[in-house]
Amino acid sequence: MLNSRKEINEAAASKIGANIKEIRQKGGRALEELATLTGIDAEVLSRIESNEFIPPLATLFNLAKVLGVDIADFFQKTGGSEKIAVTRRDETVRIGRRPDHAQGEVDYIYEALAVRQNFRHMDPFLVEFPLQASDEMVFNSHEGEEFLHVLEGTLEFRSNNRMEVLNPGDSIYFESDVSHSFRRIGQSPAKAIAVIWNKRP
């Protein structure tokens, strides 16, 4: 029986791949077709559906857009469409780094904070960033806009032509189709609240 926040989070996180696969199959899409539509390699999609690969948020938003669903459908199926929805601490879904993390995979830990509200326009996450060298940064882009507010530590934001250092209390707002990446700098843990607006189909 699940009796701790950690166990609940791990159980929900372990179902992300299965939920993606179920949604894909219900929509009548073959894996190869989804690969073509998203630009994600079919082998990577297969690893995601088998829960062997933790997808970055940009990949989840891409999949949700093509499959015509809300990103919340990948986390938990408890959401509704009420005007007010409260997500309790033990209902958030934390997606962590794997021990067998491969080079080139996004290395941050993200926690979905609004899993009880479907059909929303914003997706809030608590994000934790590891210490990284600049040549280890993984860049992503997706449709929409993004806001990030630093709670702890120091972050470096990079795009193709800009670099910003963000300290606690600093915020950044940018269009997400700009190729971007964050990394923690310094020895202190770095956490931020990220709110992402993703254009719906």
N, C-alpha and C. Protein backbone atom coordinates (compact mmCIF):
# COMPACT_ATOMS: atom_id res chain seq x y z
N MET A 1 0.84 -1.20 0.00
CA MET A 1 0.00 0.00 0.00
C MET A 1 0.88 1.25 0.00
N LEU A 2 0.49 2.23 -0.82
CA LEU A 2 1.27 3.45 -0.88
C LEU A 2 1.00 4.28 0.36
N ASN A 3 2.05 4.60 1.09
CA ASN A 3 1.83 5.33 2.34
C ASN A 3 2.81 6.47 2.52
N SER A 4 3.48 6.89 1.48
CA SER A 4 4.38 8.03 1.59
C SER A 4 4.34 8.83 0.31
N ARG A 5 4.71 10.11 0.45
CA ARG A 5 4.72 10.99 -0.73
C ARG A 5 5.68 10.45 -1.78
N LYS A 6 6.83 9.94 -1.35
CA LYS A 6 7.81 9.42 -2.30
C LYS A 6 7.23 8.27 -3.09
N GLU A 7 6.56 7.34 -2.42
CA GLU A 7 5.99 6.19 -3.11
C GLU A 7 4.90 6.61 -4.08
N ILE A 8 4.07 7.57 -3.67
CA ILE A 8 3.00 8.07 -4.54
C ILE A 8 3.60 8.72 -5.78
N ASN A 9 4.64 9.56 -5.58
CA ASN A 9 5.28 10.22 -6.70
C ASN A 9 5.90 9.22 -7.66
N GLU A 10 6.60 8.22 -7.11
CA GLU A 10 7.26 7.24 -7.96
C GLU A 10 6.25 6.42 -8.74
N ALA A 11 5.11 6.10 -8.11
CA ALA A 11 4.08 5.32 -8.80
C ALA A 11 3.50 6.12 -9.95
N ALA A 12 3.22 7.40 -9.72
CA ALA A 12 2.67 8.24 -10.78
C ALA A 12 3.68 8.45 -11.90
N ALA A 13 4.94 8.68 -11.53
CA ALA A 13 5.98 8.92 -12.53
C ALA A 13 6.19 7.68 -13.40
N SER A 14 6.07 6.50 -12.79
CA SER A 14 6.32 5.27 -13.53
C SER A 14 5.24 5.00 -14.58
N LYS A 15 4.12 5.72 -14.51
CA LYS A 15 3.03 5.50 -15.44
C LYS A 15 3.03 6.46 -16.62
N ILE A 16 3.97 7.41 -16.65
CA ILE A 16 3.98 8.40 -17.72
C ILE A 16 4.11 7.73 -19.08
N GLY A 17 5.10 6.83 -19.21
CA GLY A 17 5.30 6.15 -20.49
C GLY A 17 4.08 5.34 -20.89
N ALA A 18 3.49 4.63 -19.93
CA ALA A 18 2.31 3.82 -20.23
C ALA A 18 1.14 4.69 -20.64
N ASN A 19 0.99 5.85 -20.00
CA ASN A 19 -0.10 6.77 -20.36
C ASN A 19 0.08 7.30 -21.79
N ILE A 20 1.32 7.64 -22.13
CA ILE A 20 1.60 8.12 -23.49
C ILE A 20 1.27 7.04 -24.52
N LYS A 21 1.68 5.81 -24.22
CA LYS A 21 1.41 4.70 -25.13
C LYS A 21 -0.09 4.46 -25.29
N GLU A 22 -0.82 4.51 -24.17
CA GLU A 22 -2.26 4.28 -24.21
C GLU A 22 -2.96 5.36 -25.03
N ILE A 23 -2.56 6.61 -24.84
CA ILE A 23 -3.16 7.73 -25.59
C ILE A 23 -2.85 7.59 -27.08
N ARG A 24 -1.62 7.22 -27.39
CA ARG A 24 -1.23 7.03 -28.80
C ARG A 24 -2.05 5.93 -29.46
N GLN A 25 -2.19 4.82 -28.76
CA GLN A 25 -2.92 3.68 -29.33
C GLN A 25 -4.41 3.98 -29.46
N LYS A 26 -4.98 4.67 -28.47
CA LYS A 26 -6.40 5.04 -28.56
C LYS A 26 -6.65 5.97 -29.74
N GLY A 27 -5.66 6.78 -30.06
CA GLY A 27 -5.78 7.69 -31.20
C GLY A 27 -5.49 7.02 -32.53
N GLY A 28 -5.15 5.74 -32.49
CA GLY A 28 -4.90 4.98 -33.71
C GLY A 28 -3.61 5.34 -34.41
N ARG A 29 -2.63 5.83 -33.67
CA ARG A 29 -1.37 6.22 -34.29
C ARG A 29 -0.30 5.16 -34.04
N ALA A 30 0.40 4.80 -35.09
CA ALA A 30 1.54 3.89 -34.96
C ALA A 30 2.72 4.66 -34.39
N LEU A 31 3.65 3.94 -33.80
CA LEU A 31 4.83 4.58 -33.20
C LEU A 31 5.62 5.35 -34.26
N GLU A 32 5.76 4.76 -35.43
CA GLU A 32 6.51 5.40 -36.51
C GLU A 32 5.82 6.69 -36.97
N GLU A 33 4.48 6.69 -36.98
CA GLU A 33 3.75 7.89 -37.37
C GLU A 33 3.97 9.01 -36.37
N LEU A 34 3.92 8.65 -35.07
CA LEU A 34 4.16 9.66 -34.03
C LEU A 34 5.58 10.20 -34.13
N ALA A 35 6.52 9.34 -34.46
CA ALA A 35 7.90 9.77 -34.62
C ALA A 35 8.02 10.79 -35.74
N THR A 36 7.33 10.53 -36.84
CA THR A 36 7.37 11.45 -37.98
C THR A 36 6.75 12.80 -37.63
N LEU A 37 5.61 12.77 -36.93
CA LEU A 37 4.88 13.99 -36.61
C LEU A 37 5.60 14.85 -35.57
N THR A 38 6.31 14.21 -34.65
CA THR A 38 6.98 14.94 -33.57
C THR A 38 8.45 15.24 -33.86
N GLY A 39 9.03 14.50 -34.78
CA GLY A 39 10.46 14.65 -35.03
C GLY A 39 11.31 13.95 -33.99
N ILE A 40 10.68 13.10 -33.19
CA ILE A 40 11.39 12.33 -32.16
C ILE A 40 11.66 10.94 -32.70
N ASP A 41 12.88 10.48 -32.57
CA ASP A 41 13.25 9.16 -33.08
C ASP A 41 12.35 8.07 -32.50
N ALA A 42 11.93 7.12 -33.35
CA ALA A 42 11.02 6.06 -32.93
C ALA A 42 11.61 5.23 -31.79
N GLU A 43 12.92 5.04 -31.80
CA GLU A 43 13.57 4.28 -30.73
C GLU A 43 13.47 5.02 -29.40
N VAL A 44 13.63 6.35 -29.45
CA VAL A 44 13.49 7.16 -28.23
C VAL A 44 12.05 7.10 -27.73
N LEU A 45 11.08 7.20 -28.64
CA LEU A 45 9.68 7.10 -28.24
C LEU A 45 9.38 5.75 -27.59
N SER A 46 9.94 4.70 -28.15
CA SER A 46 9.75 3.37 -27.57
C SER A 46 10.33 3.29 -26.16
N ARG A 47 11.49 3.91 -25.95
CA ARG A 47 12.11 3.92 -24.62
C ARG A 47 11.27 4.75 -23.64
N ILE A 48 10.67 5.85 -24.14
CA ILE A 48 9.81 6.66 -23.29
C ILE A 48 8.58 5.85 -22.86
N GLU A 49 7.95 5.19 -23.82
CA GLU A 49 6.75 4.41 -23.52
C GLU A 49 7.05 3.22 -22.61
N SER A 50 8.27 2.73 -22.65
CA SER A 50 8.68 1.63 -21.78
C SER A 50 9.23 2.12 -20.45
N ASN A 51 9.21 3.45 -20.26
CA ASN A 51 9.72 4.08 -19.05
C ASN A 51 11.21 3.84 -18.84
N GLU A 52 11.94 3.70 -19.94
CA GLU A 52 13.38 3.54 -19.88
C GLU A 52 14.10 4.87 -20.03
N PHE A 53 13.37 5.88 -20.49
CA PHE A 53 13.96 7.20 -20.75
C PHE A 53 13.04 8.26 -20.18
N ILE A 54 13.58 9.16 -19.38
CA ILE A 54 12.79 10.25 -18.80
C ILE A 54 12.79 11.42 -19.78
N PRO A 55 11.64 11.75 -20.36
CA PRO A 55 11.62 12.82 -21.35
C PRO A 55 11.69 14.19 -20.70
N PRO A 56 12.38 15.13 -21.32
CA PRO A 56 12.35 16.52 -20.83
C PRO A 56 10.98 17.13 -21.08
N LEU A 57 10.71 18.23 -20.42
CA LEU A 57 9.41 18.87 -20.55
C LEU A 57 9.10 19.25 -21.99
N ALA A 58 10.10 19.71 -22.74
CA ALA A 58 9.86 20.10 -24.13
C ALA A 58 9.33 18.92 -24.94
N THR A 59 9.84 17.73 -24.67
CA THR A 59 9.37 16.53 -25.38
C THR A 59 7.93 16.21 -25.00
N LEU A 60 7.60 16.35 -23.71
CA LEU A 60 6.22 16.09 -23.28
C LEU A 60 5.25 17.07 -23.91
N PHE A 61 5.63 18.34 -23.99
CA PHE A 61 4.76 19.33 -24.63
C PHE A 61 4.58 19.02 -26.11
N ASN A 62 5.64 18.60 -26.76
CA ASN A 62 5.58 18.23 -28.18
C ASN A 62 4.62 17.06 -28.38
N LEU A 63 4.75 16.03 -27.55
CA LEU A 63 3.88 14.86 -27.64
C LEU A 63 2.42 15.22 -27.37
N ALA A 64 2.20 16.03 -26.34
CA ALA A 64 0.83 16.42 -26.00
C ALA A 64 0.18 17.17 -27.15
N LYS A 65 0.93 18.05 -27.78
CA LYS A 65 0.39 18.84 -28.89
C LYS A 65 -0.02 17.94 -30.06
N VAL A 66 0.87 17.04 -30.44
CA VAL A 66 0.60 16.16 -31.59
C VAL A 66 -0.54 15.19 -31.27
N LEU A 67 -0.59 14.69 -30.03
CA LEU A 67 -1.64 13.73 -29.65
C LEU A 67 -2.96 14.41 -29.32
N GLY A 68 -2.96 15.75 -29.24
CA GLY A 68 -4.19 16.49 -29.00
C GLY A 68 -4.73 16.34 -27.59
N VAL A 69 -3.81 16.23 -26.61
CA VAL A 69 -4.23 16.07 -25.21
C VAL A 69 -3.55 17.13 -24.37
N ASP A 70 -3.93 17.18 -23.11
CA ASP A 70 -3.29 18.07 -22.15
C ASP A 70 -2.12 17.33 -21.53
N ILE A 71 -1.05 18.04 -21.21
CA ILE A 71 0.13 17.40 -20.63
C ILE A 71 -0.21 16.70 -19.31
N ALA A 72 -1.25 17.17 -18.62
CA ALA A 72 -1.67 16.53 -17.36
C ALA A 72 -2.09 15.09 -17.57
N ASP A 73 -2.55 14.75 -18.79
CA ASP A 73 -2.95 13.37 -19.07
C ASP A 73 -1.78 12.40 -18.97
N PHE A 74 -0.56 12.89 -19.08
CA PHE A 74 0.61 12.04 -18.98
C PHE A 74 0.99 11.74 -17.53
N PHE A 75 0.58 12.62 -16.61
CA PHE A 75 0.98 12.48 -15.21
C PHE A 75 -0.02 11.67 -14.39
N GLN A 76 -1.26 12.14 -14.34
CA GLN A 76 -2.28 11.47 -13.55
C GLN A 76 -3.62 11.67 -14.24
N LYS A 77 -4.53 10.74 -13.99
CA LYS A 77 -5.84 10.85 -14.60
C LYS A 77 -6.89 11.23 -13.56
N THR A 78 -6.52 12.20 -12.72
CA THR A 78 -7.43 12.62 -11.66
C THR A 78 -7.94 14.03 -11.90
N GLY A 79 -7.54 14.62 -13.01
CA GLY A 79 -7.88 16.01 -13.25
C GLY A 79 -9.34 16.24 -13.60
N GLY A 80 -9.74 17.48 -13.48
CA GLY A 80 -11.09 17.88 -13.85
C GLY A 80 -11.04 19.23 -14.54
N SER A 81 -12.19 19.87 -14.62
CA SER A 81 -12.24 21.18 -15.28
C SER A 81 -12.95 22.19 -14.39
N GLU A 82 -12.75 22.07 -13.08
CA GLU A 82 -13.38 23.00 -12.14
C GLU A 82 -12.70 24.37 -12.23
N LYS A 83 -13.42 25.38 -11.80
CA LYS A 83 -12.84 26.73 -11.83
C LYS A 83 -11.76 26.91 -10.78
N ILE A 84 -11.82 26.12 -9.71
CA ILE A 84 -10.78 26.14 -8.67
C ILE A 84 -10.34 24.71 -8.44
N ALA A 85 -9.05 24.45 -8.55
CA ALA A 85 -8.53 23.09 -8.34
C ALA A 85 -7.31 23.16 -7.43
N VAL A 86 -7.36 22.43 -6.34
CA VAL A 86 -6.26 22.40 -5.38
C VAL A 86 -5.48 21.10 -5.56
N THR A 87 -4.18 21.20 -5.72
CA THR A 87 -3.32 20.02 -5.77
C THR A 87 -2.57 19.93 -4.44
N ARG A 88 -2.83 18.86 -3.70
CA ARG A 88 -2.19 18.68 -2.40
C ARG A 88 -0.74 18.21 -2.58
N ARG A 89 0.03 18.40 -1.54
CA ARG A 89 1.47 18.10 -1.61
C ARG A 89 1.73 16.65 -2.03
N ASP A 90 0.90 15.72 -1.56
CA ASP A 90 1.14 14.32 -1.89
C ASP A 90 0.58 13.93 -3.25
N GLU A 91 0.02 14.90 -3.98
CA GLU A 91 -0.51 14.62 -5.31
C GLU A 91 0.41 15.11 -6.43
N THR A 92 1.39 15.94 -6.10
CA THR A 92 2.32 16.40 -7.12
C THR A 92 3.12 15.21 -7.64
N VAL A 93 3.60 15.31 -8.87
CA VAL A 93 4.34 14.21 -9.47
C VAL A 93 5.77 14.66 -9.76
N ARG A 94 6.72 14.00 -9.13
CA ARG A 94 8.13 14.37 -9.23
C ARG A 94 8.84 13.41 -10.18
N ILE A 95 9.48 13.97 -11.19
CA ILE A 95 10.20 13.17 -12.17
C ILE A 95 11.69 13.40 -11.95
N GLY A 96 12.39 12.36 -11.51
CA GLY A 96 13.78 12.51 -11.10
C GLY A 96 14.78 11.95 -12.09
N ARG A 97 16.02 12.19 -11.81
CA ARG A 97 17.13 11.73 -12.64
C ARG A 97 17.35 10.25 -12.40
N ARG A 98 17.60 9.50 -13.48
CA ARG A 98 17.87 8.08 -13.35
C ARG A 98 19.34 7.82 -13.01
N PRO A 99 19.62 6.71 -12.29
CA PRO A 99 21.02 6.36 -12.00
C PRO A 99 21.82 6.12 -13.29
N ASP A 100 21.14 5.62 -14.34
CA ASP A 100 21.82 5.32 -15.60
C ASP A 100 21.68 6.46 -16.60
N HIS A 101 21.58 7.67 -16.07
CA HIS A 101 21.41 8.86 -16.91
C HIS A 101 22.48 8.90 -18.00
N ALA A 102 22.02 9.07 -19.24
CA ALA A 102 22.94 9.07 -20.38
C ALA A 102 23.32 10.49 -20.76
N GLN A 103 24.52 10.64 -21.29
CA GLN A 103 24.98 11.95 -21.73
C GLN A 103 24.05 12.46 -22.83
N GLY A 104 23.70 13.74 -22.75
CA GLY A 104 22.81 14.32 -23.75
C GLY A 104 21.37 14.36 -23.29
N GLU A 105 21.03 13.63 -22.22
CA GLU A 105 19.68 13.70 -21.69
C GLU A 105 19.57 14.90 -20.76
N VAL A 106 18.38 15.52 -20.75
CA VAL A 106 18.17 16.63 -19.83
C VAL A 106 18.28 16.13 -18.40
N ASP A 107 19.00 16.86 -17.57
CA ASP A 107 19.44 16.35 -16.28
C ASP A 107 18.67 16.92 -15.10
N TYR A 108 17.72 17.82 -15.33
CA TYR A 108 17.04 18.44 -14.20
C TYR A 108 15.93 17.53 -13.67
N ILE A 109 15.46 17.86 -12.47
CA ILE A 109 14.34 17.16 -11.84
C ILE A 109 13.15 18.10 -11.87
N TYR A 110 12.01 17.62 -12.32
CA TYR A 110 10.84 18.50 -12.36
C TYR A 110 9.65 17.85 -11.66
N GLU A 111 8.85 18.71 -11.06
CA GLU A 111 7.70 18.27 -10.28
C GLU A 111 6.45 19.00 -10.77
N ALA A 112 5.50 18.25 -11.28
CA ALA A 112 4.25 18.84 -11.79
C ALA A 112 3.40 19.27 -10.61
N LEU A 113 3.02 20.54 -10.59
CA LEU A 113 2.34 21.11 -9.42
C LEU A 113 0.83 21.28 -9.59
N ALA A 114 0.31 21.04 -10.78
CA ALA A 114 -1.13 21.25 -11.00
C ALA A 114 -1.73 20.07 -11.76
N VAL A 115 -1.67 18.90 -11.13
CA VAL A 115 -2.13 17.69 -11.82
C VAL A 115 -3.64 17.48 -11.73
N ARG A 116 -4.32 18.30 -10.97
CA ARG A 116 -5.76 18.10 -10.79
C ARG A 116 -6.61 19.00 -11.68
N GLN A 117 -5.99 19.72 -12.59
CA GLN A 117 -6.75 20.62 -13.45
C GLN A 117 -6.41 20.36 -14.91
N ASN A 118 -7.35 19.82 -15.65
CA ASN A 118 -7.18 19.64 -17.08
C ASN A 118 -7.64 20.89 -17.83
N PHE A 119 -7.36 20.93 -19.12
CA PHE A 119 -7.82 22.02 -20.00
C PHE A 119 -7.36 23.38 -19.49
N ARG A 120 -6.14 23.42 -18.96
CA ARG A 120 -5.62 24.68 -18.45
C ARG A 120 -4.71 25.30 -19.50
N HIS A 121 -4.37 26.55 -19.29
CA HIS A 121 -3.52 27.27 -20.24
C HIS A 121 -2.09 27.40 -19.75
N MET A 122 -1.84 27.13 -18.46
CA MET A 122 -0.50 27.22 -17.90
C MET A 122 -0.14 25.90 -17.22
N ASP A 123 1.15 25.58 -17.23
CA ASP A 123 1.64 24.38 -16.56
C ASP A 123 2.76 24.78 -15.61
N PRO A 124 2.51 24.74 -14.29
CA PRO A 124 3.55 25.12 -13.31
C PRO A 124 4.36 23.91 -12.84
N PHE A 125 5.65 24.11 -12.69
CA PHE A 125 6.56 23.06 -12.24
C PHE A 125 7.54 23.62 -11.22
N LEU A 126 7.95 22.78 -10.27
CA LEU A 126 9.09 23.06 -9.42
C LEU A 126 10.27 22.33 -10.04
N VAL A 127 11.32 23.04 -10.36
CA VAL A 127 12.45 22.44 -11.07
C VAL A 127 13.71 22.54 -10.21
N GLU A 128 14.46 21.44 -10.13
CA GLU A 128 15.74 21.40 -9.44
C GLU A 128 16.83 21.15 -10.47
N PHE A 129 17.91 21.92 -10.38
CA PHE A 129 18.95 21.86 -11.40
C PHE A 129 20.24 21.30 -10.81
N PRO A 130 20.92 20.40 -11.53
CA PRO A 130 22.19 19.86 -11.06
C PRO A 130 23.34 20.80 -11.41
N LEU A 131 24.47 20.55 -10.81
CA LEU A 131 25.69 21.27 -11.17
C LEU A 131 26.16 20.73 -12.51
N GLN A 132 26.42 21.62 -13.47
CA GLN A 132 26.78 21.20 -14.82
C GLN A 132 27.87 22.07 -15.40
N ALA A 133 28.68 21.48 -16.26
CA ALA A 133 29.61 22.27 -17.07
C ALA A 133 28.84 22.83 -18.26
N SER A 134 29.32 23.93 -18.82
CA SER A 134 28.60 24.57 -19.91
C SER A 134 28.49 23.66 -21.13
N ASP A 135 29.48 22.78 -21.35
CA ASP A 135 29.42 21.90 -22.52
C ASP A 135 28.48 20.71 -22.31
N GLU A 136 27.90 20.59 -21.12
CA GLU A 136 26.93 19.53 -20.85
C GLU A 136 25.49 20.01 -20.98
N MET A 137 25.30 21.29 -21.24
CA MET A 137 23.95 21.84 -21.32
C MET A 137 23.21 21.27 -22.53
N VAL A 138 21.93 20.95 -22.32
CA VAL A 138 21.09 20.42 -23.38
C VAL A 138 20.05 21.49 -23.73
N PHE A 139 19.99 21.88 -24.98
CA PHE A 139 19.09 22.95 -25.41
C PHE A 139 17.78 22.37 -25.93
N ASN A 140 16.69 23.07 -25.61
CA ASN A 140 15.36 22.65 -26.04
C ASN A 140 14.60 23.85 -26.56
N SER A 141 13.56 23.57 -27.33
CA SER A 141 12.64 24.61 -27.76
C SER A 141 11.28 23.98 -28.00
N HIS A 142 10.24 24.75 -27.80
CA HIS A 142 8.87 24.29 -28.06
C HIS A 142 8.00 25.53 -28.19
N GLU A 143 6.80 25.35 -28.72
CA GLU A 143 5.91 26.50 -28.87
C GLU A 143 5.46 27.00 -27.50
N GLY A 144 5.11 28.27 -27.45
CA GLY A 144 4.58 28.83 -26.21
C GLY A 144 5.50 29.85 -25.58
N GLU A 145 5.27 30.10 -24.30
CA GLU A 145 6.05 31.07 -23.54
C GLU A 145 6.37 30.48 -22.17
N GLU A 146 7.42 30.99 -21.55
CA GLU A 146 7.89 30.40 -20.30
C GLU A 146 8.31 31.49 -19.32
N PHE A 147 7.97 31.26 -18.06
CA PHE A 147 8.36 32.16 -16.98
C PHE A 147 9.07 31.32 -15.93
N LEU A 148 10.20 31.81 -15.43
CA LEU A 148 10.94 31.09 -14.40
C LEU A 148 11.36 32.07 -13.32
N HIS A 149 11.11 31.68 -12.06
CA HIS A 149 11.48 32.50 -10.90
C HIS A 149 12.39 31.67 -10.00
N VAL A 150 13.58 32.19 -9.73
CA VAL A 150 14.57 31.45 -8.95
C VAL A 150 14.25 31.54 -7.46
N LEU A 151 14.17 30.38 -6.82
CA LEU A 151 13.91 30.31 -5.38
C LEU A 151 15.21 30.17 -4.59
N GLU A 152 16.10 29.31 -5.06
CA GLU A 152 17.36 29.04 -4.36
C GLU A 152 18.49 28.90 -5.38
N GLY A 153 19.71 29.23 -4.94
CA GLY A 153 20.89 29.00 -5.77
C GLY A 153 21.03 29.98 -6.91
N THR A 154 21.95 29.67 -7.81
CA THR A 154 22.24 30.53 -8.95
C THR A 154 22.13 29.73 -10.23
N LEU A 155 21.41 30.29 -11.20
CA LEU A 155 21.21 29.63 -12.49
C LEU A 155 21.82 30.46 -13.60
N GLU A 156 22.27 29.75 -14.62
CA GLU A 156 22.70 30.40 -15.84
C GLU A 156 21.71 30.03 -16.94
N PHE A 157 21.18 31.05 -17.60
CA PHE A 157 20.28 30.86 -18.75
C PHE A 157 21.06 31.14 -20.00
N ARG A 158 20.91 30.27 -21.00
CA ARG A 158 21.57 30.51 -22.28
C ARG A 158 20.60 30.29 -23.43
N SER A 159 20.69 31.15 -24.41
CA SER A 159 20.02 30.96 -25.70
C SER A 159 21.11 31.03 -26.76
N ASN A 160 20.71 31.06 -28.01
CA ASN A 160 21.71 31.10 -29.08
C ASN A 160 22.58 32.34 -29.01
N ASN A 161 22.03 33.45 -28.54
CA ASN A 161 22.80 34.69 -28.58
C ASN A 161 22.75 35.49 -27.28
N ARG A 162 22.38 34.81 -26.18
CA ARG A 162 22.28 35.55 -24.93
C ARG A 162 22.59 34.64 -23.74
N MET A 163 23.21 35.23 -22.72
CA MET A 163 23.48 34.51 -21.48
C MET A 163 23.14 35.42 -20.31
N GLU A 164 22.40 34.88 -19.34
CA GLU A 164 22.02 35.64 -18.15
C GLU A 164 22.29 34.80 -16.91
N VAL A 165 22.79 35.43 -15.86
CA VAL A 165 22.95 34.77 -14.56
C VAL A 165 21.80 35.22 -13.67
N LEU A 166 21.09 34.24 -13.10
CA LEU A 166 19.89 34.51 -12.31
C LEU A 166 20.12 34.09 -10.87
N ASN A 167 19.89 35.00 -9.93
CA ASN A 167 20.04 34.74 -8.50
C ASN A 167 18.67 34.64 -7.83
N PRO A 168 18.61 34.20 -6.56
CA PRO A 168 17.32 34.10 -5.88
C PRO A 168 16.53 35.41 -5.95
N GLY A 169 15.27 35.31 -6.33
CA GLY A 169 14.43 36.48 -6.49
C GLY A 169 14.38 37.00 -7.92
N ASP A 170 15.34 36.58 -8.77
CA ASP A 170 15.33 36.98 -10.17
C ASP A 170 14.33 36.15 -10.96
N SER A 171 13.81 36.72 -12.03
CA SER A 171 12.87 36.03 -12.91
C SER A 171 13.25 36.25 -14.36
N ILE A 172 12.81 35.35 -15.21
CA ILE A 172 13.01 35.51 -16.64
C ILE A 172 11.76 35.04 -17.36
N TYR A 173 11.38 35.77 -18.41
CA TYR A 173 10.20 35.44 -19.22
C TYR A 173 10.67 35.42 -20.67
N PHE A 174 10.39 34.35 -21.39
CA PHE A 174 10.88 34.27 -22.77
C PHE A 174 9.95 33.42 -23.62
N GLU A 175 10.05 33.60 -24.92
CA GLU A 175 9.30 32.78 -25.86
C GLU A 175 10.02 31.45 -26.00
N SER A 176 9.28 30.36 -25.81
CA SER A 176 9.90 29.04 -25.69
C SER A 176 10.41 28.49 -27.00
N ASP A 177 10.04 29.11 -28.14
CA ASP A 177 10.58 28.60 -29.40
C ASP A 177 12.03 29.04 -29.61
N VAL A 178 12.53 29.90 -28.70
CA VAL A 178 13.95 30.22 -28.67
C VAL A 178 14.69 29.03 -28.06
N SER A 179 15.69 28.53 -28.74
CA SER A 179 16.46 27.41 -28.20
C SER A 179 17.12 27.87 -26.89
N HIS A 180 16.87 27.12 -25.80
CA HIS A 180 17.30 27.61 -24.49
C HIS A 180 17.73 26.47 -23.58
N SER A 181 18.49 26.82 -22.57
CA SER A 181 18.92 25.85 -21.58
C SER A 181 19.27 26.58 -20.28
N PHE A 182 19.14 25.86 -19.17
CA PHE A 182 19.53 26.37 -17.86
C PHE A 182 20.53 25.42 -17.24
N ARG A 183 21.39 25.96 -16.39
CA ARG A 183 22.24 25.10 -15.57
C ARG A 183 22.51 25.80 -14.25
N ARG A 184 22.76 24.99 -13.24
CA ARG A 184 23.13 25.53 -11.94
C ARG A 184 24.61 25.86 -11.96
N ILE A 185 24.96 26.98 -11.35
CA ILE A 185 26.37 27.31 -11.15
C ILE A 185 26.58 27.57 -9.66
N GLY A 186 27.72 27.19 -9.16
CA GLY A 186 27.96 27.29 -7.72
C GLY A 186 27.58 26.00 -7.02
N GLN A 187 27.96 25.89 -5.77
CA GLN A 187 27.77 24.64 -5.03
C GLN A 187 26.40 24.53 -4.35
N SER A 188 25.70 25.64 -4.19
CA SER A 188 24.40 25.59 -3.50
C SER A 188 23.34 24.98 -4.39
N PRO A 189 22.40 24.20 -3.83
CA PRO A 189 21.29 23.66 -4.62
C PRO A 189 20.52 24.78 -5.30
N ALA A 190 20.00 24.52 -6.48
CA ALA A 190 19.26 25.53 -7.23
C ALA A 190 17.86 25.02 -7.54
N LYS A 191 16.86 25.82 -7.16
CA LYS A 191 15.46 25.48 -7.42
C LYS A 191 14.75 26.69 -8.00
N ALA A 192 13.77 26.41 -8.84
CA ALA A 192 12.99 27.50 -9.44
C ALA A 192 11.57 27.04 -9.71
N ILE A 193 10.65 27.98 -9.71
CA ILE A 193 9.29 27.73 -10.17
C ILE A 193 9.25 28.12 -11.65
N ALA A 194 8.82 27.20 -12.48
CA ALA A 194 8.68 27.46 -13.91
C ALA A 194 7.21 27.33 -14.29
N VAL A 195 6.71 28.33 -14.99
CA VAL A 195 5.33 28.30 -15.48
C VAL A 195 5.40 28.37 -17.00
N ILE A 196 4.82 27.37 -17.65
CA ILE A 196 4.93 27.25 -19.09
C ILE A 196 3.55 27.36 -19.73
N TRP A 197 3.43 28.25 -20.69
CA TRP A 197 2.21 28.33 -21.47
C TRP A 197 2.50 27.69 -22.82
N ASN A 198 1.79 26.62 -23.11
CA ASN A 198 2.00 25.90 -24.34
C ASN A 198 0.79 26.05 -25.23
N LYS A 199 0.98 26.46 -26.47
CA LYS A 199 -0.15 26.64 -27.38
C LYS A 199 -0.87 25.32 -27.58
N ARG A 200 -2.17 25.34 -27.39
CA ARG A 200 -2.97 24.13 -27.55
C ARG A 200 -3.30 23.90 -29.00
N PRO A 201 -3.57 22.62 -29.37
CA PRO A 201 -3.95 22.33 -30.76
C PRO A 201 -5.21 23.08 -31.15
